[in-house]
Amino acid sequence: MSLVLTHHADGITTVTLNHPEKRNPISDLPMIDALEEVMRAADADVSVRAVVLTGAGSAFSSGGDIAKMVPGGGLRDALPAQTRRNYRDGIQRLPLLFQSLDVPVIAAVNGPAIGAGCDLACMCDIRIASDTARFAESFVKIGLVPGDGGAWLLPRVIGFPRAVQMALTGEMIDAAEALSIGLVTKVVPAGELMAAADKMARAVAANPPHAVRMTKRLLREAQTASLQAVLEMSAALQAVAHETLDHAEAIEAFQAKRPPVFQGR
């Protein structure tokens, strides 16, 4: 069984976490390896204009596999120093991976996104949820901390005060509350989720792909860089963007009052 499924059509790659029996946990190395492989491949393929990430079955991702949170199971080792290394070499690869991607990633949260599953959604650029989705930064409920970078990710999505509340209570919130606090940008009926995600992906993919990827890179770098650094990077990328054929096509189409045709050149 493939732990991660992919489907590519019209410049959009759909990536599906495929371990529904366990509610798509992402803490084991085989799942991490498989997800990293397909995301890096999508990022390297300039014909991919957007990625939609979702989960098979009833859940988006349960995060960690609690059954393996024993010494010698999953990321945990009898020696704490080795457990620390396991986190760095394991699940912590995912936030670094997603932060490095230039291709836009849309999370289609089809069901519960718990713990590291909630953080995985936060790693994506846009989040759309079904009305059956649930979210929890629930590490504290089992006596743990967000070991996958959630303390960095969640505040940048919903702001520090709400992130503190979610992380310290570990309480579950429904899709409506997730929308109200900005954790997701849209909530749709469960049966319409993938169509809504595809529509969003197509809205992104309709734009010049190099400009889209460079814009995403600017936004990502701006999360931690100074204004001066972002201005310098913006000027450099703008100089590149001005020389693309897609930019010339956009200007020509605007002047001719016709729809542009972008080819990623």
C-alpha atoms as a PDB file:
ATOM      1  CA  MET A   1       0.000   0.000   0.000  1.00  0.00           C
ATOM      2  CA  SER A   2       1.322   3.431  -0.939  1.00  0.00           C
ATOM      3  CA  LEU A   3       1.280   5.694   2.111  1.00  0.00           C
ATOM      4  CA  VAL A   4       0.925   8.761  -0.102  1.00  0.00           C
ATOM      5  CA  LEU A   5      -1.113   8.877  -3.308  1.00  0.00           C
ATOM      6  CA  THR A   6      -0.710  11.463  -6.048  1.00  0.00           C
ATOM      7  CA  HIS A   7      -2.885  12.557  -8.948  1.00  0.00           C
ATOM      8  CA  HIS A   8      -1.853  15.164 -11.501  1.00  0.00           C
ATOM      9  CA  ALA A   9      -4.212  16.984 -13.854  1.00  0.00           C
ATOM     10  CA  ASP A  10      -4.231  20.430 -15.456  1.00  0.00           C
ATOM     11  CA  GLY A  11      -1.153  21.610 -13.576  1.00  0.00           C
ATOM     12  CA  ILE A  12      -2.552  20.607 -10.165  1.00  0.00           C
ATOM     13  CA  THR A  13      -1.138  17.736  -8.108  1.00  0.00           C
ATOM     14  CA  THR A  14      -3.405  16.220  -5.461  1.00  0.00           C
ATOM     15  CA  VAL A  15      -1.489  14.524  -2.645  1.00  0.00           C
ATOM     16  CA  THR A  16      -3.434  12.191  -0.352  1.00  0.00           C
ATOM     17  CA  LEU A  17      -2.158  10.795   2.940  1.00  0.00           C
ATOM     18  CA  ASN A  18      -3.180   7.165   2.593  1.00  0.00           C
ATOM     19  CA  HIS A  19      -3.217   5.386   5.946  1.00  0.00           C
ATOM     20  CA  PRO A  20      -6.912   5.707   6.829  1.00  0.00           C
ATOM     21  CA  GLU A  21      -6.912   2.734   9.216  1.00  0.00           C
ATOM     22  CA  LYS A  22      -4.711   4.781  11.569  1.00  0.00           C
ATOM     23  CA  ARG A  23      -6.270   8.129  10.564  1.00  0.00           C
ATOM     24  CA  ASN A  24      -3.207   9.162   8.540  1.00  0.00           C
ATOM     25  CA  PRO A  25      -0.539   9.639  11.228  1.00  0.00           C
ATOM     26  CA  ILE A  26       2.561  11.480  10.040  1.00  0.00           C
ATOM     27  CA  SER A  27       5.045  10.581  12.788  1.00  0.00           C
ATOM     28  CA  ASP A  28       6.516   7.413  11.271  1.00  0.00           C
ATOM     29  CA  LEU A  29       9.533   7.599   8.972  1.00  0.00           C
ATOM     30  CA  PRO A  30       7.906   5.741   6.055  1.00  0.00           C
ATOM     31  CA  MET A  31       5.103   8.329   5.906  1.00  0.00           C
ATOM     32  CA  ILE A  32       7.547  11.221   6.343  1.00  0.00           C
ATOM     33  CA  ASP A  33       9.793   9.830   3.619  1.00  0.00           C
ATOM     34  CA  ALA A  34       6.896   9.274   1.227  1.00  0.00           C
ATOM     35  CA  LEU A  35       5.414  12.732   1.812  1.00  0.00           C
ATOM     36  CA  GLU A  36       8.790  14.392   1.419  1.00  0.00           C
ATOM     37  CA  GLU A  37       9.422  12.550  -1.835  1.00  0.00           C
ATOM     38  CA  VAL A  38       6.173  13.571  -3.521  1.00  0.00           C
ATOM     39  CA  MET A  39       6.310  17.169  -2.295  1.00  0.00           C
ATOM     40  CA  ARG A  40       9.878  17.635  -3.498  1.00  0.00           C
ATOM     41  CA  ALA A  41       8.935  16.122  -6.857  1.00  0.00           C
ATOM     42  CA  ALA A  42       5.992  18.514  -7.213  1.00  0.00           C
ATOM     43  CA  ASP A  43       8.180  21.463  -6.303  1.00  0.00           C
ATOM     44  CA  ALA A  44      10.844  20.460  -8.828  1.00  0.00           C
ATOM     45  CA  ASP A  45       8.298  20.075 -11.647  1.00  0.00           C
ATOM     46  CA  VAL A  46       7.611  23.555 -13.022  1.00  0.00           C
ATOM     47  CA  SER A  47       4.500  22.239 -14.762  1.00  0.00           C
ATOM     48  CA  VAL A  48       2.927  21.815 -11.306  1.00  0.00           C
ATOM     49  CA  ARG A  49       1.244  25.109 -10.511  1.00  0.00           C
ATOM     50  CA  ALA A  50      -0.413  24.124  -7.224  1.00  0.00           C
ATOM     51  CA  VAL A  51      -0.635  21.190  -4.819  1.00  0.00           C
ATOM     52  CA  VAL A  52      -3.736  20.103  -2.890  1.00  0.00           C
ATOM     53  CA  LEU A  53      -2.990  18.069   0.259  1.00  0.00           C
ATOM     54  CA  THR A  54      -5.718  15.969   1.876  1.00  0.00           C
ATOM     55  CA  GLY A  55      -6.270  12.735   3.803  1.00  0.00           C
ATOM     56  CA  ALA A  56      -7.871   9.429   2.867  1.00  0.00           C
ATOM     57  CA  GLY A  57     -10.866   8.257   4.870  1.00  0.00           C
ATOM     58  CA  SER A  58     -12.521  10.263   7.621  1.00  0.00           C
ATOM     59  CA  ALA A  59      -9.476  12.151   8.938  1.00  0.00           C
ATOM     60  CA  PHE A  60      -6.981  14.653   7.569  1.00  0.00           C
ATOM     61  CA  SER A  61      -4.301  13.484  10.002  1.00  0.00           C
ATOM     62  CA  SER A  62      -4.275  12.244  13.583  1.00  0.00           C
ATOM     63  CA  GLY A  63      -0.731  13.530  13.956  1.00  0.00           C
ATOM     64  CA  GLY A  64       1.298  11.054  15.986  1.00  0.00           C
ATOM     65  CA  ASP A  65       0.570   7.375  16.442  1.00  0.00           C
ATOM     66  CA  ILE A  66      -0.125   7.185  20.182  1.00  0.00           C
ATOM     67  CA  ALA A  67       0.242   3.391  20.172  1.00  0.00           C
ATOM     68  CA  LYS A  68       3.915   3.857  19.305  1.00  0.00           C
ATOM     69  CA  MET A  69       4.686   6.450  21.998  1.00  0.00           C
ATOM     70  CA  VAL A  70       6.578   3.923  24.089  1.00  0.00           C
ATOM     71  CA  PRO A  71      10.348   3.427  24.366  1.00  0.00           C
ATOM     72  CA  GLY A  72      11.547   1.905  21.124  1.00  0.00           C
ATOM     73  CA  GLY A  73       8.355   2.789  19.320  1.00  0.00           C
ATOM     74  CA  GLY A  74       8.093   5.484  16.679  1.00  0.00           C
ATOM     75  CA  LEU A  75      10.227   8.523  17.508  1.00  0.00           C
ATOM     76  CA  ARG A  76      10.710   7.646  21.159  1.00  0.00           C
ATOM     77  CA  ASP A  77      13.870   5.954  22.403  1.00  0.00           C
ATOM     78  CA  ALA A  78      14.805   4.783  25.876  1.00  0.00           C
ATOM     79  CA  LEU A  79      17.593   7.368  25.720  1.00  0.00           C
ATOM     80  CA  PRO A  80      16.194  10.945  25.651  1.00  0.00           C
ATOM     81  CA  ALA A  81      19.183  12.201  23.657  1.00  0.00           C
ATOM     82  CA  GLN A  82      18.334   9.714  20.898  1.00  0.00           C
ATOM     83  CA  THR A  83      14.653  10.711  21.012  1.00  0.00           C
ATOM     84  CA  ARG A  84      15.771  14.292  20.416  1.00  0.00           C
ATOM     85  CA  ARG A  85      17.772  13.183  17.385  1.00  0.00           C
ATOM     86  CA  ASN A  86      14.813  11.128  16.151  1.00  0.00           C
ATOM     87  CA  TYR A  87      12.594  14.205  16.181  1.00  0.00           C
ATOM     88  CA  ARG A  88      15.180  16.261  14.311  1.00  0.00           C
ATOM     89  CA  ASP A  89      15.751  13.515  11.736  1.00  0.00           C
ATOM     90  CA  GLY A  90      12.071  12.576  11.569  1.00  0.00           C
ATOM     91  CA  ILE A  91       8.971  14.730  11.842  1.00  0.00           C
ATOM     92  CA  GLN A  92      10.881  18.005  12.102  1.00  0.00           C
ATOM     93  CA  ARG A  93      11.902  17.503   8.484  1.00  0.00           C
ATOM     94  CA  LEU A  94       8.337  18.323   7.460  1.00  0.00           C
ATOM     95  CA  PRO A  95       8.097  21.983   8.566  1.00  0.00           C
ATOM     96  CA  LEU A  96      11.530  22.631   7.054  1.00  0.00           C
ATOM     97  CA  LEU A  97      10.412  20.940   3.850  1.00  0.00           C
ATOM     98  CA  PHE A  98       7.173  22.903   3.550  1.00  0.00           C
ATOM     99  CA  GLN A  99       8.941  26.162   4.368  1.00  0.00           C
ATOM    100  CA  SER A 100      11.351  25.502   1.487  1.00  0.00           C
ATOM    101  CA  LEU A 101       8.702  24.764  -1.154  1.00  0.00           C
ATOM    102  CA  ASP A 102       8.044  27.328  -3.865  1.00  0.00           C
ATOM    103  CA  VAL A 103       4.955  25.593  -5.255  1.00  0.00           C
ATOM    104  CA  PRO A 104       1.764  26.747  -3.448  1.00  0.00           C
ATOM    105  CA  VAL A 105       0.152  24.112  -1.218  1.00  0.00           C
ATOM    106  CA  ILE A 106      -3.552  24.086  -0.335  1.00  0.00           C
ATOM    107  CA  ALA A 107      -4.703  21.926   2.575  1.00  0.00           C
ATOM    108  CA  ALA A 108      -8.110  20.356   1.994  1.00  0.00           C
ATOM    109  CA  VAL A 109      -8.902  19.401   5.597  1.00  0.00           C
ATOM    110  CA  ASN A 110     -11.488  16.665   5.224  1.00  0.00           C
ATOM    111  CA  GLY A 111     -11.768  15.654   8.879  1.00  0.00           C
ATOM    112  CA  PRO A 112      -9.926  15.841  12.198  1.00  0.00           C
ATOM    113  CA  ALA A 113      -6.490  17.487  12.112  1.00  0.00           C
ATOM    114  CA  ILE A 114      -5.057  16.695  15.517  1.00  0.00           C
ATOM    115  CA  GLY A 115      -1.708  17.571  17.071  1.00  0.00           C
ATOM    116  CA  ALA A 116       0.898  17.246  14.355  1.00  0.00           C
ATOM    117  CA  GLY A 117      -1.994  16.956  11.897  1.00  0.00           C
ATOM    118  CA  CYS A 118      -3.116  20.460  12.856  1.00  0.00           C
ATOM    119  CA  ASP A 119       0.469  21.625  12.451  1.00  0.00           C
ATOM    120  CA  LEU A 120       0.685  19.956   9.033  1.00  0.00           C
ATOM    121  CA  ALA A 121      -2.293  22.018   7.935  1.00  0.00           C
ATOM    122  CA  CYS A 122      -0.487  25.116   9.240  1.00  0.00           C
ATOM    123  CA  MET A 123       2.532  24.213   7.114  1.00  0.00           C
ATOM    124  CA  CYS A 124       0.390  24.697   4.016  1.00  0.00           C
ATOM    125  CA  ASP A 125      -0.183  28.091   2.411  1.00  0.00           C
ATOM    126  CA  ILE A 126      -3.990  28.007   2.238  1.00  0.00           C
ATOM    127  CA  ARG A 127      -6.406  25.917   4.296  1.00  0.00           C
ATOM    128  CA  ILE A 128      -9.949  24.949   3.284  1.00  0.00           C
ATOM    129  CA  ALA A 129     -12.033  22.763   5.595  1.00  0.00           C
ATOM    130  CA  SER A 130     -15.074  20.587   5.302  1.00  0.00           C
ATOM    131  CA  ASP A 131     -17.806  21.173   7.854  1.00  0.00           C
ATOM    132  CA  THR A 132     -16.765  17.870   9.471  1.00  0.00           C
ATOM    133  CA  ALA A 133     -13.203  19.072  10.114  1.00  0.00           C
ATOM    134  CA  ARG A 134     -11.919  19.454  13.647  1.00  0.00           C
ATOM    135  CA  PHE A 135      -8.659  20.952  14.884  1.00  0.00           C
ATOM    136  CA  ALA A 136      -6.684  20.543  18.104  1.00  0.00           C
ATOM    137  CA  GLU A 137      -3.180  21.534  19.192  1.00  0.00           C
ATOM    138  CA  SER A 138      -3.535  18.721  21.658  1.00  0.00           C
ATOM    139  CA  PHE A 139      -0.001  17.722  22.671  1.00  0.00           C
ATOM    140  CA  VAL A 140      -0.508  18.941  26.244  1.00  0.00           C
ATOM    141  CA  LYS A 141      -3.424  16.512  26.650  1.00  0.00           C
ATOM    142  CA  ILE A 142      -0.972  13.612  26.520  1.00  0.00           C
ATOM    143  CA  GLY A 143       1.792  15.349  28.465  1.00  0.00           C
ATOM    144  CA  LEU A 144       3.849  16.442  25.454  1.00  0.00           C
ATOM    145  CA  VAL A 145       4.890  19.662  23.740  1.00  0.00           C
ATOM    146  CA  PRO A 146       4.523  20.498  20.021  1.00  0.00           C
ATOM    147  CA  GLY A 147       7.652  18.640  18.950  1.00  0.00           C
ATOM    148  CA  ASP A 148       7.115  19.249  15.253  1.00  0.00           C
ATOM    149  CA  GLY A 149       7.384  23.045  15.240  1.00  0.00           C
ATOM    150  CA  GLY A 150       3.808  23.885  16.141  1.00  0.00           C
ATOM    151  CA  ALA A 151       4.956  26.601  18.549  1.00  0.00           C
ATOM    152  CA  TRP A 152       6.384  28.449  15.530  1.00  0.00           C
ATOM    153  CA  LEU A 153       3.696  27.535  13.014  1.00  0.00           C
ATOM    154  CA  LEU A 154       0.395  28.080  14.824  1.00  0.00           C
ATOM    155  CA  PRO A 155       1.019  31.655  16.089  1.00  0.00           C
ATOM    156  CA  ARG A 156       1.933  32.737  12.569  1.00  0.00           C
ATOM    157  CA  VAL A 157      -1.408  31.490  11.287  1.00  0.00           C
ATOM    158  CA  ILE A 158      -3.837  32.580  14.011  1.00  0.00           C
ATOM    159  CA  GLY A 159      -1.818  34.977  16.175  1.00  0.00           C
ATOM    160  CA  PHE A 160      -0.103  34.446  19.526  1.00  0.00           C
ATOM    161  CA  PRO A 161      -3.053  34.784  21.966  1.00  0.00           C
ATOM    162  CA  ARG A 162      -5.275  32.263  20.208  1.00  0.00           C
ATOM    163  CA  ALA A 163      -2.354  29.918  19.604  1.00  0.00           C
ATOM    164  CA  VAL A 164      -1.543  29.990  23.317  1.00  0.00           C
ATOM    165  CA  GLN A 165      -5.156  29.164  24.142  1.00  0.00           C
ATOM    166  CA  MET A 166      -5.235  26.224  21.732  1.00  0.00           C
ATOM    167  CA  ALA A 167      -1.850  24.883  22.856  1.00  0.00           C
ATOM    168  CA  LEU A 168      -2.371  25.223  26.622  1.00  0.00           C
ATOM    169  CA  THR A 169      -5.929  23.869  26.718  1.00  0.00           C
ATOM    170  CA  GLY A 170      -5.515  21.280  23.973  1.00  0.00           C
ATOM    171  CA  GLU A 171      -9.214  21.727  23.299  1.00  0.00           C
ATOM    172  CA  MET A 172     -10.830  20.734  20.010  1.00  0.00           C
ATOM    173  CA  ILE A 173     -12.380  23.406  17.821  1.00  0.00           C
ATOM    174  CA  ASP A 174     -14.821  22.826  14.998  1.00  0.00           C
ATOM    175  CA  ALA A 175     -14.622  24.113  11.437  1.00  0.00           C
ATOM    176  CA  ALA A 176     -16.778  27.155  12.156  1.00  0.00           C
ATOM    177  CA  GLU A 177     -14.495  28.319  14.959  1.00  0.00           C
ATOM    178  CA  ALA A 178     -11.435  27.560  12.834  1.00  0.00           C
ATOM    179  CA  LEU A 179     -12.877  29.894  10.219  1.00  0.00           C
ATOM    180  CA  SER A 180     -13.618  32.615  12.769  1.00  0.00           C
ATOM    181  CA  ILE A 181     -10.022  32.668  14.060  1.00  0.00           C
ATOM    182  CA  GLY A 182      -8.422  32.489  10.625  1.00  0.00           C
ATOM    183  CA  LEU A 183      -7.077  28.955  10.889  1.00  0.00           C
ATOM    184  CA  VAL A 184      -8.926  28.214   7.644  1.00  0.00           C
ATOM    185  CA  THR A 185     -10.150  30.603   4.970  1.00  0.00           C
ATOM    186  CA  LYS A 186     -13.224  28.679   3.870  1.00  0.00           C
ATOM    187  CA  VAL A 187     -15.600  25.989   5.148  1.00  0.00           C
ATOM    188  CA  VAL A 188     -17.744  23.939   2.774  1.00  0.00           C
ATOM    189  CA  PRO A 189     -19.999  20.876   3.073  1.00  0.00           C
ATOM    190  CA  ALA A 190     -17.981  17.663   3.195  1.00  0.00           C
ATOM    191  CA  GLY A 191     -19.130  16.531  -0.229  1.00  0.00           C
ATOM    192  CA  GLU A 192     -17.940  19.779  -1.802  1.00  0.00           C
ATOM    193  CA  LEU A 193     -14.476  19.967  -0.221  1.00  0.00           C
ATOM    194  CA  MET A 194     -12.338  18.631  -3.047  1.00  0.00           C
ATOM    195  CA  ALA A 195     -14.240  20.651  -5.638  1.00  0.00           C
ATOM    196  CA  ALA A 196     -13.655  23.788  -3.551  1.00  0.00           C
ATOM    197  CA  ALA A 197      -9.967  22.959  -3.150  1.00  0.00           C
ATOM    198  CA  ASP A 198      -9.664  22.329  -6.881  1.00  0.00           C
ATOM    199  CA  LYS A 199     -11.348  25.664  -7.604  1.00  0.00           C
ATOM    200  CA  MET A 200      -8.898  27.430  -5.314  1.00  0.00           C
ATOM    201  CA  ALA A 201      -5.962  25.607  -6.888  1.00  0.00           C
ATOM    202  CA  ARG A 202      -7.167  26.582 -10.358  1.00  0.00           C
ATOM    203  CA  ALA A 203      -7.449  30.225  -9.286  1.00  0.00           C
ATOM    204  CA  VAL A 204      -3.787  30.060  -8.257  1.00  0.00           C
ATOM    205  CA  ALA A 205      -2.769  28.063 -11.324  1.00  0.00           C
ATOM    206  CA  ALA A 206      -4.407  30.594 -13.669  1.00  0.00           C
ATOM    207  CA  ASN A 207      -1.651  33.101 -12.894  1.00  0.00           C
ATOM    208  CA  PRO A 208       1.889  33.150 -14.322  1.00  0.00           C
ATOM    209  CA  PRO A 209       3.572  30.246 -12.501  1.00  0.00           C
ATOM    210  CA  HIS A 210       6.978  31.863 -12.006  1.00  0.00           C
ATOM    211  CA  ALA A 211       5.381  34.974 -10.524  1.00  0.00           C
ATOM    212  CA  VAL A 212       3.248  32.785  -8.247  1.00  0.00           C
ATOM    213  CA  ARG A 213       6.238  30.831  -6.967  1.00  0.00           C
ATOM    214  CA  MET A 214       8.336  33.953  -6.454  1.00  0.00           C
ATOM    215  CA  THR A 215       5.473  35.670  -4.631  1.00  0.00           C
ATOM    216  CA  LYS A 216       5.117  32.701  -2.309  1.00  0.00           C
ATOM    217  CA  ARG A 217       8.865  32.740  -1.653  1.00  0.00           C
ATOM    218  CA  LEU A 218       8.687  36.433  -0.737  1.00  0.00           C
ATOM    219  CA  LEU A 219       5.817  35.812   1.653  1.00  0.00           C
ATOM    220  CA  ARG A 220       7.614  32.920   3.312  1.00  0.00           C
ATOM    221  CA  GLU A 221      10.870  34.838   3.698  1.00  0.00           C
ATOM    222  CA  ALA A 222       8.976  37.836   5.058  1.00  0.00           C
ATOM    223  CA  GLN A 223       7.834  35.732   8.039  1.00  0.00           C
ATOM    224  CA  THR A 224      11.288  36.009   9.568  1.00  0.00           C
ATOM    225  CA  ALA A 225      13.273  38.573   7.534  1.00  0.00           C
ATOM    226  CA  SER A 226      13.626  42.306   8.119  1.00  0.00           C
ATOM    227  CA  LEU A 227      11.810  44.815   5.934  1.00  0.00           C
ATOM    228  CA  GLN A 228      15.105  45.844   4.352  1.00  0.00           C
ATOM    229  CA  ALA A 229      15.949  42.237   3.475  1.00  0.00           C
ATOM    230  CA  VAL A 230      12.502  41.653   1.975  1.00  0.00           C
ATOM    231  CA  LEU A 231      12.745  44.859  -0.059  1.00  0.00           C
ATOM    232  CA  GLU A 232      16.101  43.761  -1.462  1.00  0.00           C
ATOM    233  CA  MET A 233      14.747  40.322  -2.340  1.00  0.00           C
ATOM    234  CA  SER A 234      11.615  41.886  -3.850  1.00  0.00           C
ATOM    235  CA  ALA A 235      13.684  44.102  -6.114  1.00  0.00           C
ATOM    236  CA  ALA A 236      15.811  41.166  -7.281  1.00  0.00           C
ATOM    237  CA  LEU A 237      12.835  38.922  -7.995  1.00  0.00           C
ATOM    238  CA  GLN A 238      10.963  41.768  -9.682  1.00  0.00           C
ATOM    239  CA  ALA A 239      13.899  42.261 -12.054  1.00  0.00           C
ATOM    240  CA  VAL A 240      13.587  38.581 -12.997  1.00  0.00           C
ATOM    241  CA  ALA A 241       9.793  38.781 -13.321  1.00  0.00           C
ATOM    242  CA  HIS A 242       9.993  41.767 -15.696  1.00  0.00           C
ATOM    243  CA  GLU A 243      11.984  39.642 -18.158  1.00  0.00           C
ATOM    244  CA  THR A 244       9.574  36.695 -18.315  1.00  0.00           C
ATOM    245  CA  LEU A 245       7.496  36.067 -21.415  1.00  0.00           C
ATOM    246  CA  ASP A 246       4.431  35.642 -19.197  1.00  0.00           C
ATOM    247  CA  HIS A 247       4.800  39.232 -18.000  1.00  0.00           C
ATOM    248  CA  ALA A 248       5.004  40.411 -21.607  1.00  0.00           C
ATOM    249  CA  GLU A 249       1.952  38.291 -22.435  1.00  0.00           C
ATOM    250  CA  ALA A 250       0.003  39.815 -19.528  1.00  0.00           C
ATOM    251  CA  ILE A 251       0.745  43.353 -20.734  1.00  0.00           C
ATOM    252  CA  GLU A 252      -0.066  42.496 -24.344  1.00  0.00           C
ATOM    253  CA  ALA A 253      -3.322  40.768 -23.384  1.00  0.00           C
ATOM    254  CA  PHE A 254      -4.347  43.709 -21.197  1.00  0.00           C
ATOM    255  CA  GLN A 255      -3.763  46.164 -24.021  1.00  0.00           C
ATOM    256  CA  ALA A 256      -5.565  43.923 -26.524  1.00  0.00           C
ATOM    257  CA  LYS A 257      -8.438  43.361 -24.068  1.00  0.00           C
ATOM    258  CA  ARG A 258      -8.193  39.583 -24.357  1.00  0.00           C
ATOM    259  CA  PRO A 259      -7.556  36.790 -21.822  1.00  0.00           C
ATOM    260  CA  PRO A 260      -3.857  36.077 -21.324  1.00  0.00           C
ATOM    261  CA  VAL A 261      -2.328  32.684 -22.055  1.00  0.00           C
ATOM    262  CA  PHE A 262       0.513  31.920 -19.635  1.00  0.00           C
ATOM    263  CA  GLN A 263       3.042  29.229 -20.508  1.00  0.00           C
ATOM    264  CA  GLY A 264       5.456  29.416 -17.611  1.00  0.00           C
ATOM    265  CA  ARG A 265       8.171  31.142 -19.648  1.00  0.00           C
END
